Amino acid sequence: MKEQNLTKISKFLSLVLRHSPETIGIKIDYQGGWTDTEMLIQKINQHGKYHIDMQILEEIVRTDEKQRYSFNPDKTKIRANQGHSIPIDLELKEQIPPEILWHGTATRFLQEISEKGLKPMSRHHVHLSKDEETALKVGKRHGKPYILKIKSGEMYRKGIKFYLSENGVWLTEYVAPEFLIWPD
C-alpha cells in the first residue's frame, strides 16, 4: 500500500482512537484506552472512507514515526498511546523526568504561555519532548516554531508528577511559567 494512503488511514485512526470513536461507532475502554481490533477494522470498513485489514493495521502500528498506537500482546486490542481528548486512563506510572525537557510550540502562543504557562488545552496532559529536535518537529506543526526548555527536574522535586507514555512522550498536567526557560 502506498505510504500516502497509510498516512491518511493513520490520521483517521488517530481521530477515532484519540478523539471521536463515535465517528465509526466503536467504544473505547476508559481503563487503558483499548478497543477491540476486529471491531475497529470492521467499523472502519463499514464507514466507507477506507478499507483496511489486519495486515494494514499492523503496518501502521509498526511504521508510525511517532509510535502513536500499540496492540496488546495477542493483538486483539489496540489503543492510541497518548494525546486523547476523550476521558481515558492510560494507566501510566509516575516517572522521574530528566532535569530538562523540551516543548515545541508556535510563536503565536508565546504571550499566553508566558502569562499562564503550558496547559493541556483539549488533551489530558501537556506533552513534553526528551530532546530539542523532537520539540522542533512538534512546534513546526503549529506554525512558526519556538522551543522552550522546561525545568522538569525542579518541578518533580516540588511534587509535580510526570508520566512517560509508551511512545516516549513525557506528560504532566501543567507547567507553570516559573518552570519555563526562555531562550536568549
N, C-alpha and C. Protein backbone atom coordinates (compact mmCIF):
# COMPACT_ATOMS: atom_id res chain seq x y z
N MET A 1 0.86 -1.19 0.00
CA MET A 1 0.00 0.00 0.00
C MET A 1 0.89 1.23 0.00
N LYS A 2 0.48 2.25 -0.72
CA LYS A 2 1.25 3.48 -0.81
C LYS A 2 1.36 4.16 0.56
N GLU A 3 2.53 4.76 0.80
CA GLU A 3 2.78 5.46 2.07
C GLU A 3 1.77 6.57 2.30
N GLN A 4 1.37 7.27 1.23
CA GLN A 4 0.40 8.36 1.35
C GLN A 4 -0.94 7.84 1.89
N ASN A 5 -1.37 6.68 1.38
CA ASN A 5 -2.62 6.11 1.87
C ASN A 5 -2.51 5.67 3.32
N LEU A 6 -1.36 5.09 3.68
CA LEU A 6 -1.16 4.70 5.08
C LEU A 6 -1.21 5.92 6.00
N THR A 7 -0.64 7.02 5.56
CA THR A 7 -0.66 8.25 6.35
C THR A 7 -2.10 8.72 6.55
N LYS A 8 -2.89 8.70 5.50
CA LYS A 8 -4.29 9.12 5.62
C LYS A 8 -5.07 8.20 6.56
N ILE A 9 -4.85 6.91 6.43
CA ILE A 9 -5.53 5.96 7.31
C ILE A 9 -5.07 6.17 8.75
N SER A 10 -3.77 6.41 8.95
CA SER A 10 -3.23 6.64 10.29
C SER A 10 -3.86 7.88 10.93
N LYS A 11 -4.03 8.92 10.15
CA LYS A 11 -4.67 10.14 10.68
C LYS A 11 -6.12 9.88 11.06
N PHE A 12 -6.81 9.08 10.24
CA PHE A 12 -8.19 8.72 10.55
C PHE A 12 -8.22 7.87 11.82
N LEU A 13 -7.28 6.95 11.94
CA LEU A 13 -7.18 6.11 13.13
C LEU A 13 -6.95 6.96 14.37
N SER A 14 -6.11 7.98 14.25
CA SER A 14 -5.85 8.91 15.35
C SER A 14 -7.13 9.62 15.77
N LEU A 15 -7.89 10.08 14.80
CA LEU A 15 -9.17 10.74 15.10
C LEU A 15 -10.08 9.80 15.89
N VAL A 16 -10.19 8.58 15.43
CA VAL A 16 -11.10 7.61 16.04
C VAL A 16 -10.63 7.19 17.42
N LEU A 17 -9.35 6.85 17.57
CA LEU A 17 -8.86 6.30 18.84
C LEU A 17 -8.54 7.35 19.89
N ARG A 18 -8.31 8.60 19.48
CA ARG A 18 -7.93 9.63 20.44
C ARG A 18 -9.04 10.64 20.73
N HIS A 19 -9.92 10.85 19.78
CA HIS A 19 -10.85 11.97 19.91
C HIS A 19 -12.33 11.62 19.68
N SER A 20 -12.64 10.83 18.66
CA SER A 20 -14.04 10.64 18.27
C SER A 20 -14.35 9.20 17.87
N PRO A 21 -14.37 8.29 18.83
CA PRO A 21 -14.70 6.90 18.47
C PRO A 21 -16.11 6.77 17.88
N GLU A 22 -16.97 7.71 18.24
CA GLU A 22 -18.34 7.67 17.72
C GLU A 22 -18.40 7.89 16.21
N THR A 23 -17.33 8.41 15.61
CA THR A 23 -17.28 8.62 14.16
C THR A 23 -17.59 7.32 13.42
N ILE A 24 -17.10 6.20 13.96
CA ILE A 24 -17.37 4.91 13.32
C ILE A 24 -18.18 3.98 14.21
N GLY A 25 -18.60 4.47 15.38
CA GLY A 25 -19.47 3.68 16.24
C GLY A 25 -18.76 2.62 17.08
N ILE A 26 -17.55 2.92 17.55
CA ILE A 26 -16.87 1.99 18.45
C ILE A 26 -16.83 2.57 19.85
N LYS A 27 -16.51 1.71 20.79
CA LYS A 27 -16.35 2.13 22.18
C LYS A 27 -14.88 1.96 22.56
N ILE A 28 -14.38 2.92 23.33
CA ILE A 28 -13.03 2.87 23.87
C ILE A 28 -13.15 2.65 25.37
N ASP A 29 -12.47 1.64 25.89
CA ASP A 29 -12.49 1.38 27.33
C ASP A 29 -11.83 2.54 28.07
N TYR A 30 -12.50 3.05 29.09
CA TYR A 30 -11.91 4.11 29.90
C TYR A 30 -10.60 3.62 30.51
N GLN A 31 -10.60 2.42 31.06
CA GLN A 31 -9.42 1.86 31.71
C GLN A 31 -8.47 1.32 30.65
N GLY A 32 -7.44 2.04 30.35
CA GLY A 32 -6.43 1.59 29.40
C GLY A 32 -6.57 2.16 28.00
N GLY A 33 -7.77 2.60 27.62
CA GLY A 33 -7.97 3.19 26.29
C GLY A 33 -8.04 2.18 25.16
N TRP A 34 -8.30 0.92 25.48
CA TRP A 34 -8.31 -0.13 24.46
C TRP A 34 -9.64 -0.25 23.74
N THR A 35 -9.57 -0.75 22.51
CA THR A 35 -10.77 -1.14 21.77
C THR A 35 -10.45 -2.45 21.05
N ASP A 36 -11.49 -3.18 20.71
CA ASP A 36 -11.35 -4.47 20.04
C ASP A 36 -10.82 -4.27 18.61
N THR A 37 -9.74 -4.95 18.27
CA THR A 37 -9.09 -4.79 16.96
C THR A 37 -10.01 -5.19 15.81
N GLU A 38 -10.65 -6.37 15.91
CA GLU A 38 -11.54 -6.83 14.83
C GLU A 38 -12.70 -5.87 14.63
N MET A 39 -13.27 -5.39 15.73
CA MET A 39 -14.39 -4.46 15.64
C MET A 39 -13.93 -3.16 14.98
N LEU A 40 -12.75 -2.67 15.34
CA LEU A 40 -12.21 -1.45 14.73
C LEU A 40 -12.10 -1.62 13.22
N ILE A 41 -11.51 -2.71 12.78
CA ILE A 41 -11.36 -2.96 11.34
C ILE A 41 -12.72 -3.01 10.66
N GLN A 42 -13.63 -3.74 11.26
CA GLN A 42 -14.99 -3.87 10.69
C GLN A 42 -15.68 -2.51 10.58
N LYS A 43 -15.61 -1.72 11.64
CA LYS A 43 -16.30 -0.42 11.65
C LYS A 43 -15.65 0.59 10.70
N ILE A 44 -14.31 0.55 10.58
CA ILE A 44 -13.65 1.43 9.61
C ILE A 44 -14.11 1.07 8.20
N ASN A 45 -14.18 -0.22 7.90
CA ASN A 45 -14.61 -0.66 6.57
C ASN A 45 -16.07 -0.31 6.31
N GLN A 46 -16.93 -0.45 7.32
CA GLN A 46 -18.34 -0.08 7.17
C GLN A 46 -18.51 1.42 6.97
N HIS A 47 -17.64 2.19 7.58
CA HIS A 47 -17.70 3.65 7.46
C HIS A 47 -17.54 4.06 6.00
N GLY A 48 -16.72 3.30 5.25
CA GLY A 48 -16.62 3.51 3.82
C GLY A 48 -15.52 4.42 3.34
N LYS A 49 -14.89 5.16 4.22
CA LYS A 49 -13.84 6.08 3.78
C LYS A 49 -12.57 5.33 3.40
N TYR A 50 -12.25 4.27 4.15
CA TYR A 50 -11.06 3.46 3.92
C TYR A 50 -11.42 2.00 4.01
N HIS A 51 -10.62 1.17 3.37
CA HIS A 51 -10.75 -0.28 3.51
C HIS A 51 -9.43 -0.79 4.07
N ILE A 52 -9.50 -1.41 5.25
CA ILE A 52 -8.29 -1.93 5.88
C ILE A 52 -8.49 -3.37 6.29
N ASP A 53 -7.38 -4.03 6.56
CA ASP A 53 -7.39 -5.37 7.13
C ASP A 53 -6.32 -5.41 8.22
N MET A 54 -6.14 -6.56 8.84
CA MET A 54 -5.19 -6.67 9.94
C MET A 54 -3.77 -6.35 9.47
N GLN A 55 -3.42 -6.76 8.27
CA GLN A 55 -2.08 -6.52 7.75
C GLN A 55 -1.81 -5.01 7.63
N ILE A 56 -2.77 -4.25 7.14
CA ILE A 56 -2.62 -2.80 7.01
C ILE A 56 -2.51 -2.16 8.40
N LEU A 57 -3.38 -2.60 9.32
CA LEU A 57 -3.35 -2.05 10.68
C LEU A 57 -2.00 -2.34 11.35
N GLU A 58 -1.49 -3.56 11.20
CA GLU A 58 -0.18 -3.90 11.77
C GLU A 58 0.93 -3.05 11.17
N GLU A 59 0.85 -2.78 9.87
CA GLU A 59 1.87 -1.94 9.23
C GLU A 59 1.83 -0.52 9.76
N ILE A 60 0.64 0.02 9.96
CA ILE A 60 0.50 1.37 10.52
C ILE A 60 1.11 1.44 11.91
N VAL A 61 0.77 0.47 12.76
CA VAL A 61 1.30 0.46 14.13
C VAL A 61 2.82 0.32 14.11
N ARG A 62 3.33 -0.55 13.26
CA ARG A 62 4.78 -0.82 13.20
C ARG A 62 5.58 0.34 12.63
N THR A 63 5.02 1.04 11.64
CA THR A 63 5.80 2.06 10.93
C THR A 63 5.51 3.49 11.35
N ASP A 64 4.53 3.70 12.22
CA ASP A 64 4.20 5.06 12.61
C ASP A 64 5.41 5.73 13.27
N GLU A 65 5.85 6.82 12.68
CA GLU A 65 7.06 7.52 13.13
C GLU A 65 6.98 7.94 14.60
N LYS A 66 5.81 8.30 15.04
CA LYS A 66 5.65 8.77 16.41
C LYS A 66 5.17 7.68 17.37
N GLN A 67 5.05 6.46 16.86
CA GLN A 67 4.62 5.34 17.70
C GLN A 67 3.32 5.66 18.42
N ARG A 68 2.34 6.16 17.66
CA ARG A 68 1.07 6.61 18.25
C ARG A 68 0.21 5.47 18.80
N TYR A 69 0.38 4.27 18.27
CA TYR A 69 -0.54 3.17 18.58
C TYR A 69 0.20 1.97 19.12
N SER A 70 -0.52 1.14 19.87
CA SER A 70 0.05 -0.14 20.30
C SER A 70 -1.06 -1.18 20.40
N PHE A 71 -0.64 -2.42 20.22
CA PHE A 71 -1.51 -3.57 20.41
C PHE A 71 -1.25 -4.16 21.79
N ASN A 72 -2.23 -4.89 22.31
CA ASN A 72 -1.97 -5.71 23.48
C ASN A 72 -1.16 -6.93 22.99
N PRO A 73 -0.66 -7.78 23.88
CA PRO A 73 0.23 -8.86 23.45
C PRO A 73 -0.32 -9.79 22.36
N ASP A 74 -1.60 -10.10 22.38
CA ASP A 74 -2.14 -11.00 21.35
C ASP A 74 -2.83 -10.26 20.20
N LYS A 75 -2.69 -8.95 20.18
CA LYS A 75 -3.20 -8.08 19.12
C LYS A 75 -4.73 -8.11 18.96
N THR A 76 -5.42 -8.52 20.01
CA THR A 76 -6.89 -8.50 19.96
C THR A 76 -7.42 -7.12 20.33
N LYS A 77 -6.56 -6.27 20.90
CA LYS A 77 -6.95 -4.91 21.27
C LYS A 77 -5.88 -3.94 20.79
N ILE A 78 -6.32 -2.70 20.53
CA ILE A 78 -5.43 -1.64 20.06
C ILE A 78 -5.80 -0.35 20.79
N ARG A 79 -4.83 0.54 20.93
CA ARG A 79 -5.10 1.84 21.53
C ARG A 79 -4.13 2.88 21.00
N ALA A 80 -4.51 4.13 21.19
CA ALA A 80 -3.58 5.25 20.99
C ALA A 80 -2.78 5.38 22.27
N ASN A 81 -1.49 5.66 22.15
CA ASN A 81 -0.61 5.69 23.32
C ASN A 81 -0.74 6.95 24.16
N GLN A 82 -1.17 8.06 23.58
CA GLN A 82 -1.40 9.31 24.31
C GLN A 82 -2.05 10.30 23.37
N GLY A 83 -2.38 11.48 23.90
CA GLY A 83 -2.95 12.54 23.07
C GLY A 83 -4.46 12.55 23.01
N HIS A 84 -5.10 11.85 23.91
CA HIS A 84 -6.56 11.77 23.90
C HIS A 84 -7.22 13.07 24.34
N SER A 85 -8.35 13.37 23.73
CA SER A 85 -9.21 14.44 24.22
C SER A 85 -10.45 13.85 24.89
N ILE A 86 -10.64 12.55 24.76
CA ILE A 86 -11.74 11.86 25.44
C ILE A 86 -11.21 11.33 26.77
N PRO A 87 -12.09 11.13 27.75
CA PRO A 87 -11.61 10.67 29.06
C PRO A 87 -11.11 9.23 29.00
N ILE A 88 -9.81 9.07 29.25
CA ILE A 88 -9.14 7.77 29.21
C ILE A 88 -8.13 7.72 30.35
N ASP A 89 -8.03 6.58 31.01
CA ASP A 89 -6.96 6.35 31.97
C ASP A 89 -6.00 5.36 31.33
N LEU A 90 -4.86 5.85 30.87
CA LEU A 90 -3.89 5.00 30.20
C LEU A 90 -3.05 4.18 31.18
N GLU A 91 -3.37 4.29 32.46
CA GLU A 91 -2.69 3.53 33.50
C GLU A 91 -1.18 3.79 33.50
N LEU A 92 -0.82 5.05 33.25
CA LEU A 92 0.59 5.42 33.22
C LEU A 92 1.14 5.45 34.64
N LYS A 93 2.38 5.00 34.78
CA LYS A 93 3.03 5.04 36.08
C LYS A 93 3.89 6.30 36.17
N GLU A 94 3.90 6.87 37.37
CA GLU A 94 4.71 8.06 37.60
C GLU A 94 6.18 7.74 37.36
N GLN A 95 6.89 8.68 36.71
CA GLN A 95 8.30 8.51 36.38
C GLN A 95 9.09 9.73 36.85
N ILE A 96 10.37 9.54 37.08
CA ILE A 96 11.26 10.66 37.39
C ILE A 96 11.78 11.20 36.06
N PRO A 97 11.49 12.47 35.77
CA PRO A 97 11.91 13.03 34.48
C PRO A 97 13.38 13.44 34.49
N PRO A 98 13.95 13.66 33.31
CA PRO A 98 15.29 14.25 33.27
C PRO A 98 15.22 15.70 33.79
N GLU A 99 16.35 16.28 34.07
CA GLU A 99 16.39 17.65 34.60
C GLU A 99 15.72 18.65 33.66
N ILE A 100 15.91 18.46 32.36
CA ILE A 100 15.35 19.37 31.36
C ILE A 100 14.55 18.58 30.35
N LEU A 101 13.36 19.06 30.04
CA LEU A 101 12.56 18.56 28.94
C LEU A 101 12.30 19.74 28.01
N TRP A 102 11.73 19.48 26.86
CA TRP A 102 11.52 20.50 25.84
C TRP A 102 10.05 20.54 25.43
N HIS A 103 9.62 21.71 25.00
CA HIS A 103 8.25 21.87 24.49
C HIS A 103 8.30 22.70 23.21
N GLY A 104 7.76 22.15 22.14
CA GLY A 104 7.67 22.88 20.88
C GLY A 104 6.29 23.50 20.73
N THR A 105 6.28 24.76 20.37
CA THR A 105 5.02 25.46 20.18
C THR A 105 5.19 26.42 19.00
N ALA A 106 4.18 27.22 18.75
CA ALA A 106 4.25 28.24 17.70
C ALA A 106 4.40 29.61 18.36
N THR A 107 5.06 30.51 17.66
CA THR A 107 5.32 31.84 18.21
C THR A 107 4.03 32.58 18.57
N ARG A 108 2.95 32.28 17.88
CA ARG A 108 1.69 32.99 18.16
C ARG A 108 1.12 32.68 19.55
N PHE A 109 1.62 31.63 20.20
CA PHE A 109 1.13 31.27 21.53
C PHE A 109 2.01 31.78 22.68
N LEU A 110 3.11 32.43 22.35
CA LEU A 110 4.10 32.78 23.37
C LEU A 110 3.59 33.73 24.44
N GLN A 111 2.81 34.73 24.07
CA GLN A 111 2.31 35.68 25.05
C GLN A 111 1.47 34.98 26.12
N GLU A 112 0.55 34.14 25.67
CA GLU A 112 -0.30 33.42 26.62
C GLU A 112 0.51 32.45 27.47
N ILE A 113 1.46 31.76 26.87
CA ILE A 113 2.31 30.83 27.62
C ILE A 113 3.12 31.57 28.67
N SER A 114 3.65 32.75 28.33
CA SER A 114 4.45 33.50 29.30
C SER A 114 3.61 33.93 30.50
N GLU A 115 2.33 34.15 30.29
CA GLU A 115 1.44 34.59 31.36
C GLU A 115 0.83 33.43 32.14
N LYS A 116 0.44 32.37 31.43
CA LYS A 116 -0.34 31.30 32.05
C LYS A 116 0.37 29.95 32.13
N GLY A 117 1.54 29.84 31.51
CA GLY A 117 2.25 28.57 31.49
C GLY A 117 1.72 27.66 30.40
N LEU A 118 2.11 26.39 30.47
CA LEU A 118 1.67 25.39 29.49
C LEU A 118 0.52 24.60 30.08
N LYS A 119 -0.60 24.63 29.39
CA LYS A 119 -1.80 23.92 29.82
C LYS A 119 -2.10 22.81 28.81
N PRO A 120 -2.81 21.77 29.23
CA PRO A 120 -3.09 20.67 28.30
C PRO A 120 -4.07 21.01 27.18
N MET A 121 -4.74 22.13 27.30
CA MET A 121 -5.74 22.55 26.31
C MET A 121 -6.80 21.46 26.18
N SER A 122 -7.01 20.88 25.00
CA SER A 122 -8.08 19.89 24.82
C SER A 122 -7.64 18.48 25.20
N ARG A 123 -6.39 18.32 25.59
CA ARG A 123 -5.88 16.99 25.94
C ARG A 123 -5.83 16.82 27.45
N HIS A 124 -5.41 15.66 27.89
CA HIS A 124 -5.33 15.36 29.32
C HIS A 124 -4.05 15.88 29.96
N HIS A 125 -2.98 15.98 29.17
CA HIS A 125 -1.67 16.36 29.70
C HIS A 125 -0.97 17.32 28.76
N VAL A 126 0.01 18.03 29.30
CA VAL A 126 0.95 18.80 28.50
C VAL A 126 1.97 17.78 27.98
N HIS A 127 2.29 17.87 26.70
CA HIS A 127 3.24 16.95 26.08
C HIS A 127 4.62 17.59 26.01
N LEU A 128 5.61 16.87 26.51
CA LEU A 128 6.99 17.36 26.53
C LEU A 128 7.90 16.35 25.84
N SER A 129 8.97 16.86 25.24
CA SER A 129 9.89 16.02 24.49
C SER A 129 11.20 15.86 25.25
N LYS A 130 11.86 14.74 25.00
CA LYS A 130 13.14 14.47 25.66
C LYS A 130 14.29 15.20 25.00
N ASP A 131 14.07 15.74 23.78
CA ASP A 131 15.15 16.44 23.09
C ASP A 131 14.61 17.61 22.27
N GLU A 132 15.51 18.50 21.96
CA GLU A 132 15.15 19.73 21.24
C GLU A 132 14.66 19.45 19.82
N GLU A 133 15.26 18.47 19.17
CA GLU A 133 14.90 18.13 17.79
C GLU A 133 13.44 17.69 17.68
N THR A 134 13.01 16.85 18.60
CA THR A 134 11.62 16.39 18.59
C THR A 134 10.68 17.56 18.86
N ALA A 135 11.03 18.41 19.82
CA ALA A 135 10.20 19.57 20.14
C ALA A 135 10.08 20.50 18.93
N LEU A 136 11.15 20.64 18.17
CA LEU A 136 11.12 21.48 16.97
C LEU A 136 10.12 20.94 15.96
N LYS A 137 10.12 19.62 15.76
CA LYS A 137 9.16 19.00 14.84
C LYS A 137 7.72 19.28 15.29
N VAL A 138 7.49 19.17 16.59
CA VAL A 138 6.15 19.44 17.13
C VAL A 138 5.77 20.90 16.89
N GLY A 139 6.68 21.81 17.19
CA GLY A 139 6.43 23.23 17.02
C GLY A 139 6.10 23.60 15.58
N LYS A 140 6.77 22.96 14.63
CA LYS A 140 6.54 23.24 13.21
C LYS A 140 5.13 22.87 12.77
N ARG A 141 4.52 21.91 13.45
CA ARG A 141 3.15 21.51 13.09
C ARG A 141 2.13 22.60 13.43
N HIS A 142 2.52 23.53 14.30
CA HIS A 142 1.58 24.55 14.78
C HIS A 142 1.83 25.94 14.21
N GLY A 143 2.83 26.07 13.36
CA GLY A 143 3.16 27.38 12.79
C GLY A 143 4.64 27.63 12.89
N LYS A 144 5.01 28.91 12.98
CA LYS A 144 6.43 29.26 13.14
C LYS A 144 6.88 28.72 14.49
N PRO A 145 7.87 27.78 14.52
CA PRO A 145 8.18 27.09 15.76
C PRO A 145 8.98 27.92 16.76
N TYR A 146 8.77 27.59 18.00
CA TYR A 146 9.52 28.18 19.11
C TYR A 146 9.71 27.06 20.13
N ILE A 147 10.93 26.93 20.63
CA ILE A 147 11.27 25.84 21.54
C ILE A 147 11.52 26.39 22.94
N LEU A 148 10.85 25.80 23.91
CA LEU A 148 11.04 26.16 25.32
C LEU A 148 11.71 25.01 26.07
N LYS A 149 12.59 25.35 27.00
CA LYS A 149 13.14 24.37 27.92
C LYS A 149 12.25 24.37 29.16
N ILE A 150 12.10 23.19 29.73
CA ILE A 150 11.26 23.03 30.91
C ILE A 150 12.14 22.54 32.06
N LYS A 151 12.03 23.17 33.21
CA LYS A 151 12.78 22.75 34.41
C LYS A 151 12.05 21.57 35.05
N SER A 152 12.05 20.45 34.35
CA SER A 152 11.28 19.29 34.79
C SER A 152 11.82 18.67 36.08
N GLY A 153 13.13 18.65 36.24
CA GLY A 153 13.70 18.12 37.48
C GLY A 153 13.25 18.91 38.69
N GLU A 154 13.29 20.22 38.57
CA GLU A 154 12.84 21.10 39.66
C GLU A 154 11.34 20.91 39.93
N MET A 155 10.56 20.80 38.86
CA MET A 155 9.13 20.56 39.02
C MET A 155 8.89 19.28 39.83
N TYR A 156 9.60 18.22 39.43
CA TYR A 156 9.43 16.93 40.10
C TYR A 156 9.78 17.03 41.59
N ARG A 157 10.88 17.71 41.88
CA ARG A 157 11.29 17.85 43.28
C ARG A 157 10.27 18.66 44.09
N LYS A 158 9.46 19.46 43.42
CA LYS A 158 8.41 20.22 44.11
C LYS A 158 7.09 19.46 44.15
N GLY A 159 7.12 18.19 43.78
CA GLY A 159 5.94 17.34 43.92
C GLY A 159 5.06 17.23 42.69
N ILE A 160 5.48 17.75 41.56
CA ILE A 160 4.67 17.67 40.35
C ILE A 160 4.96 16.34 39.66
N LYS A 161 3.90 15.64 39.28
CA LYS A 161 4.03 14.31 38.72
C LYS A 161 4.31 14.35 37.21
N PHE A 162 5.10 13.38 36.79
CA PHE A 162 5.41 13.17 35.38
C PHE A 162 5.14 11.72 35.02
N TYR A 163 4.75 11.52 33.77
CA TYR A 163 4.49 10.19 33.24
C TYR A 163 5.19 10.07 31.89
N LEU A 164 5.56 8.87 31.53
CA LEU A 164 6.19 8.62 30.24
C LEU A 164 5.30 7.68 29.46
N SER A 165 4.79 8.15 28.32
CA SER A 165 3.91 7.31 27.50
C SER A 165 4.73 6.23 26.81
N GLU A 166 4.04 5.24 26.28
CA GLU A 166 4.72 4.12 25.60
C GLU A 166 5.58 4.58 24.43
N ASN A 167 5.22 5.71 23.84
CA ASN A 167 5.98 6.18 22.67
C ASN A 167 6.99 7.27 23.03
N GLY A 168 7.34 7.40 24.31
CA GLY A 168 8.43 8.28 24.71
C GLY A 168 8.07 9.74 24.92
N VAL A 169 6.79 10.07 24.94
CA VAL A 169 6.37 11.44 25.20
C VAL A 169 6.21 11.62 26.71
N TRP A 170 6.83 12.66 27.25
CA TRP A 170 6.69 12.97 28.68
C TRP A 170 5.41 13.76 28.87
N LEU A 171 4.67 13.43 29.92
CA LEU A 171 3.37 14.03 30.18
C LEU A 171 3.33 14.59 31.60
N THR A 172 2.71 15.76 31.74
CA THR A 172 2.44 16.34 33.05
C THR A 172 1.16 17.17 32.92
N GLU A 173 0.53 17.48 34.03
CA GLU A 173 -0.76 18.17 33.96
C GLU A 173 -0.66 19.65 33.63
N TYR A 174 0.45 20.29 34.02
CA TYR A 174 0.56 21.74 33.85
C TYR A 174 2.01 22.14 34.08
N VAL A 175 2.48 23.14 33.34
CA VAL A 175 3.81 23.70 33.57
C VAL A 175 3.63 25.19 33.86
N ALA A 176 3.87 25.58 35.10
CA ALA A 176 3.73 26.99 35.50
C ALA A 176 4.82 27.83 34.84
N PRO A 177 4.55 29.12 34.62
CA PRO A 177 5.55 29.99 33.97
C PRO A 177 6.92 29.97 34.66
N GLU A 178 6.95 29.79 35.96
CA GLU A 178 8.23 29.80 36.69
C GLU A 178 9.16 28.65 36.30
N PHE A 179 8.62 27.61 35.65
CA PHE A 179 9.43 26.46 35.25
C PHE A 179 9.84 26.51 33.78
N LEU A 180 9.57 27.61 33.11
CA LEU A 180 9.93 27.76 31.70
C LEU A 180 11.26 28.48 31.60
N ILE A 181 12.12 28.00 30.71
CA ILE A 181 13.39 28.67 30.41
C ILE A 181 13.26 29.21 29.00
N TRP A 182 13.32 30.51 28.89
CA TRP A 182 13.17 31.17 27.59
C TRP A 182 14.55 31.34 26.95
N PRO A 183 14.69 30.96 25.69
CA PRO A 183 15.98 31.17 25.01
C PRO A 183 16.33 32.66 24.97
N ASP A 184 17.63 32.94 24.94
CA ASP A 184 18.10 34.33 24.88
C ASP A 184 17.76 34.96 23.54
